Amino acid sequence: MRVLAIDPGYEKMGVAVLEKTSGREILIFSECFKTSRTVSHAKRLSGISGEITRLLERYRPEFLSVEKLFFAKNQKTALQVAEARGVVLAEAAKTGLTVKEFTPMEAKIAVTGYGRGNKNQIKYMVEKMIAINKKIKEDDEYDAIALGLTFLASYRGSE
C-alpha cells in the first residue's frame, strides 16, 4: 500500500511518499516543495499542480493523506493555502486516489500520542517511527511524513 502525504502550503508544501509492506512502513521519498515569490499567484498554483502531477506519475500512490485546513489568523495566508490544497485535491481526483484528511491534532495524536505536541516532538517521534536517510531542514516535510504515518496507522481497508 502506497500513500502520498501532503502538508499543504502556498509558499512551502511538505510532501512524502510512504509504503507499508509486511507490516512495516518505509519512507520512499520526501521533500519540501517551495514556490517562488517572484512569480504570479496563478503560476505558483500551476507549479504546485505540476509538482503533484510529477509525484503521482513517478510514485503511483493509491492513497492521498492530506492535512485538513484549519483557520489561521492571517486570512490572506489561509486563502492561499486553501487554494493550494484545492489544487492538490483536484490532481488527486484526476487519478482516482482515495483521499483521507486529517486535522493537525489527529496527526499529532497518531505520532506523539498527544494532540498538542510541538514541532520538536513530531520530529523526534517521526525519526523513531520510520528510517529517514537524509537531512530534513523543514518542519513541513516532517509534517507530511507524520500525515503519511497517520494514514498508514488508521487505514482499515474499507476506505
Protein backbone atom coordinates (compact mmCIF):
# COMPACT_ATOMS: atom_id res chain seq x y z
CA MET A 1 0.00 0.00 0.00
CA ARG A 2 1.48 3.36 -1.05
CA VAL A 3 0.38 6.78 0.14
CA LEU A 4 1.24 10.30 -0.95
CA ALA A 5 1.10 12.53 2.11
CA ILE A 6 0.89 16.30 1.87
CA ASP A 7 1.16 19.10 4.36
CA PRO A 8 -0.42 21.77 2.16
CA GLY A 9 1.05 25.21 1.84
CA TYR A 10 1.34 28.02 -0.65
CA GLU A 11 4.95 29.03 -0.11
CA LYS A 12 6.14 25.66 1.24
CA MET A 13 4.45 22.30 0.82
CA GLY A 14 5.68 19.21 2.60
CA VAL A 15 5.33 16.03 0.56
CA ALA A 16 6.14 12.42 1.37
CA VAL A 17 5.57 9.03 -0.20
CA LEU A 18 5.33 6.12 2.22
CA GLU A 19 4.70 2.46 1.68
CA LYS A 20 3.53 -0.25 4.03
CA THR A 21 4.63 -3.77 3.23
CA SER A 22 4.65 -6.77 5.52
CA GLY A 23 3.53 -4.62 8.43
CA ARG A 24 6.36 -2.08 8.26
CA GLU A 25 6.39 1.46 6.97
CA ILE A 26 9.04 2.68 4.52
CA LEU A 27 9.74 6.25 3.50
CA ILE A 28 10.15 6.21 -0.27
CA PHE A 29 10.53 9.96 -0.83
CA SER A 30 10.09 13.27 0.93
CA GLU A 31 10.80 16.92 0.27
CA CYS A 32 9.58 20.42 0.93
CA PHE A 33 8.41 21.92 -2.34
CA LYS A 34 8.68 25.70 -2.47
CA THR A 35 7.05 28.20 -4.79
CA SER A 36 8.79 31.39 -5.85
CA ARG A 37 7.59 34.73 -4.55
CA THR A 38 8.73 36.31 -7.81
CA VAL A 39 6.06 34.67 -9.97
CA SER A 40 2.34 35.35 -10.16
CA HIS A 41 -0.23 33.70 -7.94
CA ALA A 42 -1.55 31.64 -10.86
CA LYS A 43 1.95 30.42 -11.77
CA ARG A 44 2.60 29.41 -8.16
CA LEU A 45 -0.57 27.32 -8.17
CA SER A 46 0.41 25.88 -11.55
CA GLY A 47 3.80 24.94 -10.10
CA ILE A 48 2.08 23.10 -7.27
CA SER A 49 -0.11 21.30 -9.79
CA GLY A 50 2.92 20.27 -11.81
CA GLU A 51 4.76 19.01 -8.74
CA ILE A 52 1.79 16.92 -7.61
CA THR A 53 1.36 15.51 -11.12
CA ARG A 54 5.07 14.60 -11.22
CA LEU A 55 4.83 12.80 -7.87
CA LEU A 56 1.67 10.94 -8.88
CA GLU A 57 3.24 9.78 -12.14
CA ARG A 58 6.56 8.81 -10.60
CA TYR A 59 5.40 7.05 -7.42
CA ARG A 60 1.91 5.82 -8.38
CA PRO A 61 0.33 6.03 -4.91
CA GLU A 62 -3.06 4.51 -4.20
CA PHE A 63 -3.99 6.97 -1.47
CA LEU A 64 -3.61 10.62 -0.55
CA SER A 65 -3.25 11.71 3.07
CA VAL A 66 -3.68 15.46 3.38
CA GLU A 67 -3.97 17.85 6.28
CA LYS A 68 -7.38 19.44 6.77
CA LEU A 69 -7.29 23.18 6.61
CA PHE A 70 -7.63 24.98 9.88
CA PHE A 71 -8.28 28.68 10.03
CA ALA A 72 -5.19 30.77 10.55
CA LYS A 73 -5.01 34.26 11.99
CA ASN A 74 -3.96 35.67 8.63
CA GLN A 75 -6.89 35.42 6.20
CA LYS A 76 -4.74 36.00 3.12
CA THR A 77 -2.45 33.13 4.07
CA ALA A 78 -5.42 30.87 4.85
CA LEU A 79 -6.96 31.56 1.44
CA GLN A 80 -3.69 30.87 -0.37
CA VAL A 81 -3.21 27.60 1.49
CA ALA A 82 -6.84 26.66 0.75
CA GLU A 83 -6.25 27.27 -2.95
CA ALA A 84 -3.04 25.22 -2.90
CA ARG A 85 -4.87 22.45 -1.08
CA GLY A 86 -7.62 22.60 -3.71
CA VAL A 87 -5.03 22.08 -6.44
CA VAL A 88 -3.73 19.01 -4.60
CA LEU A 89 -7.23 17.56 -4.19
CA ALA A 90 -8.07 18.21 -7.86
CA GLU A 91 -4.91 16.45 -9.06
CA ALA A 92 -5.65 13.50 -6.75
CA ALA A 93 -9.21 13.28 -8.07
CA LYS A 94 -7.94 13.13 -11.66
CA THR A 95 -6.08 9.93 -10.89
CA GLY A 96 -8.81 8.41 -8.73
CA LEU A 97 -6.84 8.36 -5.47
CA THR A 98 -8.68 7.60 -2.28
CA VAL A 99 -8.32 10.73 -0.15
CA LYS A 100 -8.18 10.75 3.64
CA GLU A 101 -7.97 14.04 5.51
CA PHE A 102 -6.57 14.53 8.99
CA THR A 103 -6.56 17.51 11.30
CA PRO A 104 -3.22 18.62 12.71
CA MET A 105 -4.40 17.32 16.10
CA GLU A 106 -5.18 13.86 14.70
CA ALA A 107 -1.70 13.62 13.18
CA LYS A 108 -0.08 14.77 16.42
CA ILE A 109 -2.03 12.17 18.41
CA ALA A 110 -1.04 9.42 15.96
CA VAL A 111 2.64 10.33 16.04
CA THR A 112 3.27 11.74 19.53
CA GLY A 113 0.31 10.41 21.49
CA TYR A 114 -0.61 13.97 22.41
CA GLY A 115 -2.82 16.28 20.35
CA ARG A 116 -0.90 19.39 21.28
CA GLY A 117 2.56 18.02 20.52
CA ASN A 118 5.06 20.59 19.30
CA LYS A 119 7.29 20.55 16.22
CA ASN A 120 10.26 19.09 18.11
CA GLN A 121 8.14 16.25 19.48
CA ILE A 122 6.80 15.48 15.99
CA LYS A 123 10.31 15.48 14.54
CA TYR A 124 11.63 13.26 17.33
CA MET A 125 8.83 10.70 17.02
CA VAL A 126 8.83 10.63 13.21
CA GLU A 127 12.56 9.83 13.31
CA LYS A 128 11.84 6.99 15.79
CA MET A 129 8.97 5.58 13.73
CA ILE A 130 10.50 5.45 10.26
CA ALA A 131 14.00 5.37 8.80
CA ILE A 132 15.00 8.67 7.24
CA ASN A 133 18.20 8.53 5.23
CA LYS A 134 18.75 12.23 4.68
CA LYS A 135 18.86 15.55 6.47
CA ILE A 136 15.46 17.23 6.66
CA LYS A 137 15.53 21.00 7.07
CA GLU A 138 11.85 21.97 7.03
CA ASP A 139 9.10 21.15 9.53
CA ASP A 140 6.65 20.88 6.63
CA GLU A 141 8.46 17.77 5.41
CA TYR A 142 8.24 16.15 8.85
CA ASP A 143 4.55 17.07 8.97
CA ALA A 144 3.97 15.34 5.62
CA ILE A 145 5.71 12.20 6.86
CA ALA A 146 3.61 12.35 10.03
CA LEU A 147 0.45 12.58 7.90
CA GLY A 148 1.57 9.52 5.94
CA LEU A 149 2.22 7.58 9.13
CA THR A 150 -1.19 8.68 10.45
CA PHE A 151 -2.87 7.32 7.34
CA LEU A 152 -0.99 4.00 7.47
CA ALA A 153 -1.85 3.58 11.16
CA SER A 154 -5.54 4.32 10.62
CA TYR A 155 -6.22 2.55 7.33
CA ARG A 156 -8.58 -0.37 7.75
CA GLY A 157 -9.05 -1.39 4.13
CA SER A 158 -12.64 -0.23 3.74
CA GLU A 159 -11.98 3.33 2.62
